[in-house]
Amino acid sequence: MTVNVDVKTFPLFINGKWEAASSQETFEVLNPATGELVARVAKGNEADVDRAVDAARRAFDETDWKDMKPKDRSKVLYAISYQIAAHAEELAYLEAVSSGGTVRRIGANDILQMVDLFQTLAKFVEEYEFSETLPSPPFPGPAHNFIWREPIGVCAAITPWNLPMVIATWKIAPALAMGNTVVVKPASYTPLSTLKLAEIISQVVPPGVINVVTGPGAEVGEKLASHPKVDKVAFTGSTEVGRKVMQLAAGTVKNTTLELGGKSPNIILEDADLSIALPGSLFGVFLHSGQLCESGTRLFVPDHLHDVIVENLVKLAGKIKLGNPLDPASDVGPVISQKQKETILSYIEAGKAEGATLVCGGNEAKVAGCENGHFIEPTIFTNVTNDMKIAREEIFGPVLSVIRYTDVEDAIKMANDSIYGLAAGVWTRDVNKAYEVARKLQAGVVWINDWHMLRNDAPFGGYKQSGIGREMGKHSLDAYTQVKHVHTSMVPEAHKRTWYGLLLSDTAE
């Protein structure tokens, strides 16, 4: 069906207010399922970044926001969670019409995950050890010593288009929990839900604590990453762009958290329950049309089970219903854009050219009522070797590479033979065996008999070129603080202190 959407113009959100871009320019946001114009959004520039950063700087430096007691900050986080729940329908709609994510997934997962994240961190804040007292050792002398954790300051959050709301909250929630202020730069394909989220959050925090500047990454994103008044940058996106963010942040030696690309290995062991492993593996790669950084895009299968696994994967993949994201019956929506669709199709052609066998999908899909949408059939390749382009590079689309292995050590070796190390999975009836394999996998998260199961009380992030640092869990709170050591000597006389004789040879009173 075709959904007619009233076209609304979204300004920037700065200092608790809606503000027009300095240039007065806007850009268009299109529905990837239909090609229809959804909204016009303010096209920010460097001057707008300066305005937003200045607002965030004032809120941090000149208000008592950063000094709020943990118990009171916990109440703020709970209040934000209630606001998100209250606006769930509007947030889900804005997300679906711009990102192509299905309302079924957004409503049943994304909204709940965001609510739970703020509530989980609200609990953690009250338990967090902001101050630690050290013992008083004999050297260098009697003293009181404390370790204090304090907020960093102004944090820039640069977010991607695949899960705009969820990934924005991975950065916003811990930043606010620790007393920082935030400027968000959302992806230009999907800024709507983030702008609404900022408006919601602003109802319970002081002006300037949360700001959003929309616009081109090359202008807005780069300005934020290099801005001298920004103290931290948190970025989610491709490894290529992550390298650029690191270079920009290095100019002022900023604290950085990077959650980057993946080419996650998924290993089916010989004793796996295929009635769980096969649909689970498809869930791992085809959710959101494969546009998730932790998707299990390389499936390693025992050589002697290869044919039966592939046959049943193809049958199951044929049952996936592509459709309008606003239709609750749709299993999978479109990819984000014409450009992304062309990129994915080029990878499919590369796979065929290198000798992989296409056994399922591989084409642009036509969906009734969404003739101008960007849909791609769930695609499965066999006869893939681990050195092929489709097995090495992140495609960010619904493409699965099935790779044979001879023994478990062979599978582990191929799984780790990648520049990425974001996620991995193991399917087996023997949990102890799974733990042995998990120990050897170079990945920030390993799922056993499951996939995509991210917890708000557990860290998420990658090994190798999949990123730096961790998001979610208590580890995320550490990433939004800086550590201060405070030393107070308890030796009253100067000449009795350890340092006195190191500088002054005459130690007489």
Foldseek 3Di string as FASTA:
>chain_A
DADDADEEEFAWQAQLDGDAAPVNDWDFAAQQLARDTHYTYHAHFLVVLVRLLVLQQCQQPPDCLQVDQLLVLLVLLLQLLVLLVVCVVVLLVLLCRQQVAASLCCVVPVNVQLSVLSNVLSVVSVVDCQKDWDDADPPPHGWTKMKGWGFQEEEEEEEERNNQPNSVSLQLRLLSSRRYAYEYEYDQSRCVSVSVSQSSSCVRGGGSRYTYHYHDCVGNVLCQLQPLSHAEYEYEEALVVVVVSVVNNVVNVHQYWYQHAAQAAEEEDPAFDLVLRLVQLLCQQCNQQRQDRRRHQEYEYAPVCVVVSVVVNQVVLVPQAEDRSHDSVHRYYAHNDPVLLVLLLVVLVQCVVVPWAKDHWSDFDAYPNRRVHHHGRQTETEPDDCPGPSNADRSSGNYHYYHYDHDLVRSQVSSQPYQWAFEYEYGHPDVVVVVVSVVSGQHPYYYYSHHPDDDQQDWGHTPGSSIDFTTGHPSNSSSRIDMDMDIGHPDDDPLPRSCNCVVDVDSDD
